[in-house]
Amino acid sequence: MSSILASVTCDKPMLAASLPLHVLDLMATVRAGFPSPAEDLGAKRVDLTAQLVKHPQATFLLRARGDSMRDAGIFDGDVLVVDRAIRPRSSHVVIAVVDGEFVCKTLAMRAGRMKLKAANPGFPDIVPKEGQTIEVWGVVLHAIKSMPC
């Protein structure tokens, strides 16, 4: 895969609807600034699929590779929740197929012309060349991160 593209690991995209994504909800919110007394600590289960997936049969999970989307908050190793049922618009972060390879970029449409923009100044944008096939495959709704522990 070319180093100028932010790749997406896609041996076989995983359909999100097939995953049981449940966690225990101990607090509705948590402050990232100064600590505050704990609110109601009632525990209930939260269905992450219901929170993250709008169209279960059209939503897939892909793993991001590379750093070209870091300024959009997408980092190497993030799991991307991609919805194929949403109509892509300019400024959406999308998964596109460029010359048979999946890439993650920001879609820019202007005067009927498409550009796939990197979110890192060290990487070039993708502007379709004459005769080149580029397909917008889906819209990225979420990036799930793993924190070091």
C-alpha atoms as a PDB file:
ATOM      1  CA  MET A   1       0.000   0.000   0.000  1.00  0.00           C
ATOM      2  CA  SER A   2       1.314   3.431  -0.875  1.00  0.00           C
ATOM      3  CA  SER A   3       2.726   5.460   2.019  1.00  0.00           C
ATOM      4  CA  ILE A   4       0.816   8.556   0.885  1.00  0.00           C
ATOM      5  CA  LEU A   5      -2.519   6.941   1.722  1.00  0.00           C
ATOM      6  CA  ALA A   6      -3.986   6.428   5.160  1.00  0.00           C
ATOM      7  CA  SER A   7      -4.926   2.838   4.799  1.00  0.00           C
ATOM      8  CA  VAL A   8      -7.705   0.954   6.456  1.00  0.00           C
ATOM      9  CA  THR A   9      -7.206  -2.681   7.380  1.00  0.00           C
ATOM     10  CA  CYS A  10      -9.920  -4.383   5.434  1.00  0.00           C
ATOM     11  CA  ASP A  11      -9.271  -8.072   4.866  1.00  0.00           C
ATOM     12  CA  LYS A  12     -12.957  -8.484   5.653  1.00  0.00           C
ATOM     13  CA  PRO A  13     -14.946  -5.565   7.090  1.00  0.00           C
ATOM     14  CA  MET A  14     -16.807  -6.686  10.198  1.00  0.00           C
ATOM     15  CA  LEU A  15     -20.557  -6.018  10.215  1.00  0.00           C
ATOM     16  CA  ALA A  16     -21.204  -4.086  13.430  1.00  0.00           C
ATOM     17  CA  ALA A  17     -24.701  -5.534  13.923  1.00  0.00           C
ATOM     18  CA  SER A  18     -23.191  -8.969  14.560  1.00  0.00           C
ATOM     19  CA  LEU A  19     -21.308  -7.807  17.657  1.00  0.00           C
ATOM     20  CA  PRO A  20     -22.732  -7.811  21.185  1.00  0.00           C
ATOM     21  CA  LEU A  21     -21.358  -4.502  22.490  1.00  0.00           C
ATOM     22  CA  HIS A  22     -22.603  -4.084  26.062  1.00  0.00           C
ATOM     23  CA  VAL A  23     -20.869  -2.311  28.935  1.00  0.00           C
ATOM     24  CA  LEU A  24     -21.816  -1.356  32.478  1.00  0.00           C
ATOM     25  CA  ASP A  25     -22.843   2.292  32.841  1.00  0.00           C
ATOM     26  CA  LEU A  26     -21.723   3.417  36.294  1.00  0.00           C
ATOM     27  CA  MET A  27     -22.034   7.155  35.736  1.00  0.00           C
ATOM     28  CA  ALA A  28     -23.843   9.163  33.107  1.00  0.00           C
ATOM     29  CA  THR A  29     -20.962  11.653  32.820  1.00  0.00           C
ATOM     30  CA  VAL A  30     -17.457  12.038  34.131  1.00  0.00           C
ATOM     31  CA  ARG A  31     -15.605  15.310  34.489  1.00  0.00           C
ATOM     32  CA  ALA A  32     -12.215  15.600  32.861  1.00  0.00           C
ATOM     33  CA  GLY A  33     -11.301  18.710  34.875  1.00  0.00           C
ATOM     34  CA  PHE A  34     -11.667  19.150  38.622  1.00  0.00           C
ATOM     35  CA  PRO A  35     -13.108  16.237  40.595  1.00  0.00           C
ATOM     36  CA  SER A  36     -16.657  16.514  41.884  1.00  0.00           C
ATOM     37  CA  PRO A  37     -18.636  14.405  44.341  1.00  0.00           C
ATOM     38  CA  ALA A  38     -20.003  11.278  42.692  1.00  0.00           C
ATOM     39  CA  GLU A  39     -23.555  11.563  41.482  1.00  0.00           C
ATOM     40  CA  ASP A  40     -25.937   8.665  41.472  1.00  0.00           C
ATOM     41  CA  LEU A  41     -23.817   5.537  40.984  1.00  0.00           C
ATOM     42  CA  GLY A  42     -26.713   3.330  39.908  1.00  0.00           C
ATOM     43  CA  ALA A  43     -25.412   0.668  37.543  1.00  0.00           C
ATOM     44  CA  LYS A  44     -27.220  -0.237  34.334  1.00  0.00           C
ATOM     45  CA  ARG A  45     -26.150  -1.888  31.098  1.00  0.00           C
ATOM     46  CA  VAL A  46     -25.584   0.259  28.043  1.00  0.00           C
ATOM     47  CA  ASP A  47     -25.888  -1.193  24.553  1.00  0.00           C
ATOM     48  CA  LEU A  48     -22.970   0.349  22.654  1.00  0.00           C
ATOM     49  CA  THR A  49     -24.362  -0.911  19.382  1.00  0.00           C
ATOM     50  CA  ALA A  50     -27.476   1.202  19.934  1.00  0.00           C
ATOM     51  CA  GLN A  51     -25.290   4.208  20.801  1.00  0.00           C
ATOM     52  CA  LEU A  52     -22.837   3.896  17.882  1.00  0.00           C
ATOM     53  CA  VAL A  53     -24.827   2.286  15.055  1.00  0.00           C
ATOM     54  CA  LYS A  54     -27.672   4.003  13.158  1.00  0.00           C
ATOM     55  CA  HIS A  55     -28.086   1.428  10.377  1.00  0.00           C
ATOM     56  CA  PRO A  56     -27.063  -2.025  11.700  1.00  0.00           C
ATOM     57  CA  GLN A  57     -27.130  -3.859   8.359  1.00  0.00           C
ATOM     58  CA  ALA A  58     -25.040  -1.139   6.679  1.00  0.00           C
ATOM     59  CA  THR A  59     -22.488  -0.442   9.427  1.00  0.00           C
ATOM     60  CA  PHE A  60     -19.013  -1.957   9.436  1.00  0.00           C
ATOM     61  CA  LEU A  61     -15.936  -1.808  11.657  1.00  0.00           C
ATOM     62  CA  LEU A  62     -12.540  -1.154  10.067  1.00  0.00           C
ATOM     63  CA  ARG A  63      -9.140  -0.564  11.671  1.00  0.00           C
ATOM     64  CA  ALA A  64      -7.254   2.584  10.646  1.00  0.00           C
ATOM     65  CA  ARG A  65      -3.590   2.362   9.673  1.00  0.00           C
ATOM     66  CA  GLY A  66      -1.323   5.362   9.222  1.00  0.00           C
ATOM     67  CA  ASP A  67      -1.237   8.974  10.374  1.00  0.00           C
ATOM     68  CA  SER A  68      -2.777  10.976   7.534  1.00  0.00           C
ATOM     69  CA  MET A  69      -6.007  11.635   9.484  1.00  0.00           C
ATOM     70  CA  ARG A  70      -4.495  12.497  12.867  1.00  0.00           C
ATOM     71  CA  ASP A  71      -5.697  16.130  12.820  1.00  0.00           C
ATOM     72  CA  ALA A  72      -9.247  14.773  12.462  1.00  0.00           C
ATOM     73  CA  GLY A  73      -8.691  12.692  15.605  1.00  0.00           C
ATOM     74  CA  ILE A  74      -8.156   9.382  13.785  1.00  0.00           C
ATOM     75  CA  PHE A  75      -4.964   7.598  14.769  1.00  0.00           C
ATOM     76  CA  ASP A  76      -3.170   4.417  13.761  1.00  0.00           C
ATOM     77  CA  GLY A  77      -5.011   1.449  15.277  1.00  0.00           C
ATOM     78  CA  ASP A  78      -8.354   3.178  15.877  1.00  0.00           C
ATOM     79  CA  VAL A  79     -11.458   1.146  15.080  1.00  0.00           C
ATOM     80  CA  LEU A  80     -13.670   3.107  12.698  1.00  0.00           C
ATOM     81  CA  VAL A  81     -17.458   2.739  12.726  1.00  0.00           C
ATOM     82  CA  VAL A  82     -18.437   3.177   9.074  1.00  0.00           C
ATOM     83  CA  ASP A  83     -22.025   3.588   7.878  1.00  0.00           C
ATOM     84  CA  ARG A  84     -22.695   2.787   4.211  1.00  0.00           C
ATOM     85  CA  ALA A  85     -26.338   3.956   4.378  1.00  0.00           C
ATOM     86  CA  ILE A  86     -25.466   7.618   4.924  1.00  0.00           C
ATOM     87  CA  ARG A  87     -25.171   9.717   1.784  1.00  0.00           C
ATOM     88  CA  PRO A  88     -21.654  11.224   1.842  1.00  0.00           C
ATOM     89  CA  ARG A  89     -21.427  15.013   1.752  1.00  0.00           C
ATOM     90  CA  SER A  90     -18.587  17.472   1.598  1.00  0.00           C
ATOM     91  CA  SER A  91     -16.703  17.637   4.945  1.00  0.00           C
ATOM     92  CA  HIS A  92     -17.655  14.066   5.938  1.00  0.00           C
ATOM     93  CA  VAL A  93     -14.794  11.769   6.878  1.00  0.00           C
ATOM     94  CA  VAL A  94     -15.219   8.839   4.519  1.00  0.00           C
ATOM     95  CA  ILE A  95     -13.802   5.503   3.512  1.00  0.00           C
ATOM     96  CA  ALA A  96     -13.110   5.528  -0.217  1.00  0.00           C
ATOM     97  CA  VAL A  97     -11.808   2.935  -2.623  1.00  0.00           C
ATOM     98  CA  VAL A  98      -8.949   4.406  -4.655  1.00  0.00           C
ATOM     99  CA  ASP A  99      -7.446   2.139  -7.294  1.00  0.00           C
ATOM    100  CA  GLY A 100      -8.793  -0.889  -5.425  1.00  0.00           C
ATOM    101  CA  GLU A 101      -7.478   0.145  -1.991  1.00  0.00           C
ATOM    102  CA  PHE A 102      -9.428   1.483   0.991  1.00  0.00           C
ATOM    103  CA  VAL A 103      -8.408   4.920   2.293  1.00  0.00           C
ATOM    104  CA  CYS A 104      -9.777   7.191   4.995  1.00  0.00           C
ATOM    105  CA  LYS A 105      -9.967  10.899   4.077  1.00  0.00           C
ATOM    106  CA  THR A 106     -12.210  13.956   4.349  1.00  0.00           C
ATOM    107  CA  LEU A 107     -14.488  14.358   1.343  1.00  0.00           C
ATOM    108  CA  ALA A 108     -14.369  17.772  -0.345  1.00  0.00           C
ATOM    109  CA  MET A 109     -16.813  18.578  -3.142  1.00  0.00           C
ATOM    110  CA  ARG A 110     -16.584  21.812  -5.097  1.00  0.00           C
ATOM    111  CA  ALA A 111     -18.219  22.645  -8.409  1.00  0.00           C
ATOM    112  CA  GLY A 112     -18.953  18.952  -8.975  1.00  0.00           C
ATOM    113  CA  ARG A 113     -15.303  17.951  -8.466  1.00  0.00           C
ATOM    114  CA  MET A 114     -14.195  15.597  -5.725  1.00  0.00           C
ATOM    115  CA  LYS A 115     -11.060  15.741  -3.602  1.00  0.00           C
ATOM    116  CA  LEU A 116     -10.108  13.445  -0.726  1.00  0.00           C
ATOM    117  CA  LYS A 117      -8.286  15.573   1.824  1.00  0.00           C
ATOM    118  CA  ALA A 118      -5.712  14.372   4.314  1.00  0.00           C
ATOM    119  CA  ALA A 119      -5.914  15.684   7.882  1.00  0.00           C
ATOM    120  CA  ASN A 120      -2.151  15.900   8.295  1.00  0.00           C
ATOM    121  CA  PRO A 121      -0.016  18.434   6.386  1.00  0.00           C
ATOM    122  CA  GLY A 122       2.627  15.771   5.796  1.00  0.00           C
ATOM    123  CA  PHE A 123       0.317  13.841   3.479  1.00  0.00           C
ATOM    124  CA  PRO A 124      -1.022  14.869   0.060  1.00  0.00           C
ATOM    125  CA  ASP A 125      -4.686  15.121  -0.832  1.00  0.00           C
ATOM    126  CA  ILE A 126      -6.067  12.732  -3.436  1.00  0.00           C
ATOM    127  CA  VAL A 127      -7.410  14.408  -6.561  1.00  0.00           C
ATOM    128  CA  PRO A 128      -8.857  11.955  -9.103  1.00  0.00           C
ATOM    129  CA  LYS A 129      -6.846  11.711 -12.288  1.00  0.00           C
ATOM    130  CA  GLU A 130      -8.411  11.341 -15.732  1.00  0.00           C
ATOM    131  CA  GLY A 131      -9.928   7.861 -15.968  1.00  0.00           C
ATOM    132  CA  GLN A 132      -9.221   6.972 -12.326  1.00  0.00           C
ATOM    133  CA  THR A 133     -11.984   5.195 -10.432  1.00  0.00           C
ATOM    134  CA  ILE A 134     -12.704   6.447  -6.919  1.00  0.00           C
ATOM    135  CA  GLU A 135     -15.742   5.206  -4.995  1.00  0.00           C
ATOM    136  CA  VAL A 136     -16.887   6.633  -1.661  1.00  0.00           C
ATOM    137  CA  TRP A 137     -17.625   3.411   0.230  1.00  0.00           C
ATOM    138  CA  GLY A 138     -19.044   4.752   3.518  1.00  0.00           C
ATOM    139  CA  VAL A 139     -19.110   7.573   6.074  1.00  0.00           C
ATOM    140  CA  VAL A 140     -17.043   7.344   9.262  1.00  0.00           C
ATOM    141  CA  LEU A 141     -19.269   8.035  12.273  1.00  0.00           C
ATOM    142  CA  HIS A 142     -16.942   7.183  15.156  1.00  0.00           C
ATOM    143  CA  ALA A 143     -13.306   6.390  15.913  1.00  0.00           C
ATOM    144  CA  ILE A 144     -12.887   4.026  18.860  1.00  0.00           C
ATOM    145  CA  LYS A 145      -9.530   4.356  20.574  1.00  0.00           C
ATOM    146  CA  SER A 146      -7.521   2.118  22.848  1.00  0.00           C
ATOM    147  CA  MET A 147      -5.765   3.846  25.711  1.00  0.00           C
ATOM    148  CA  PRO A 148      -2.356   2.670  26.928  1.00  0.00           C
ATOM    149  CA  CYS A 149      -2.474   0.893  30.253  1.00  0.00           C
END
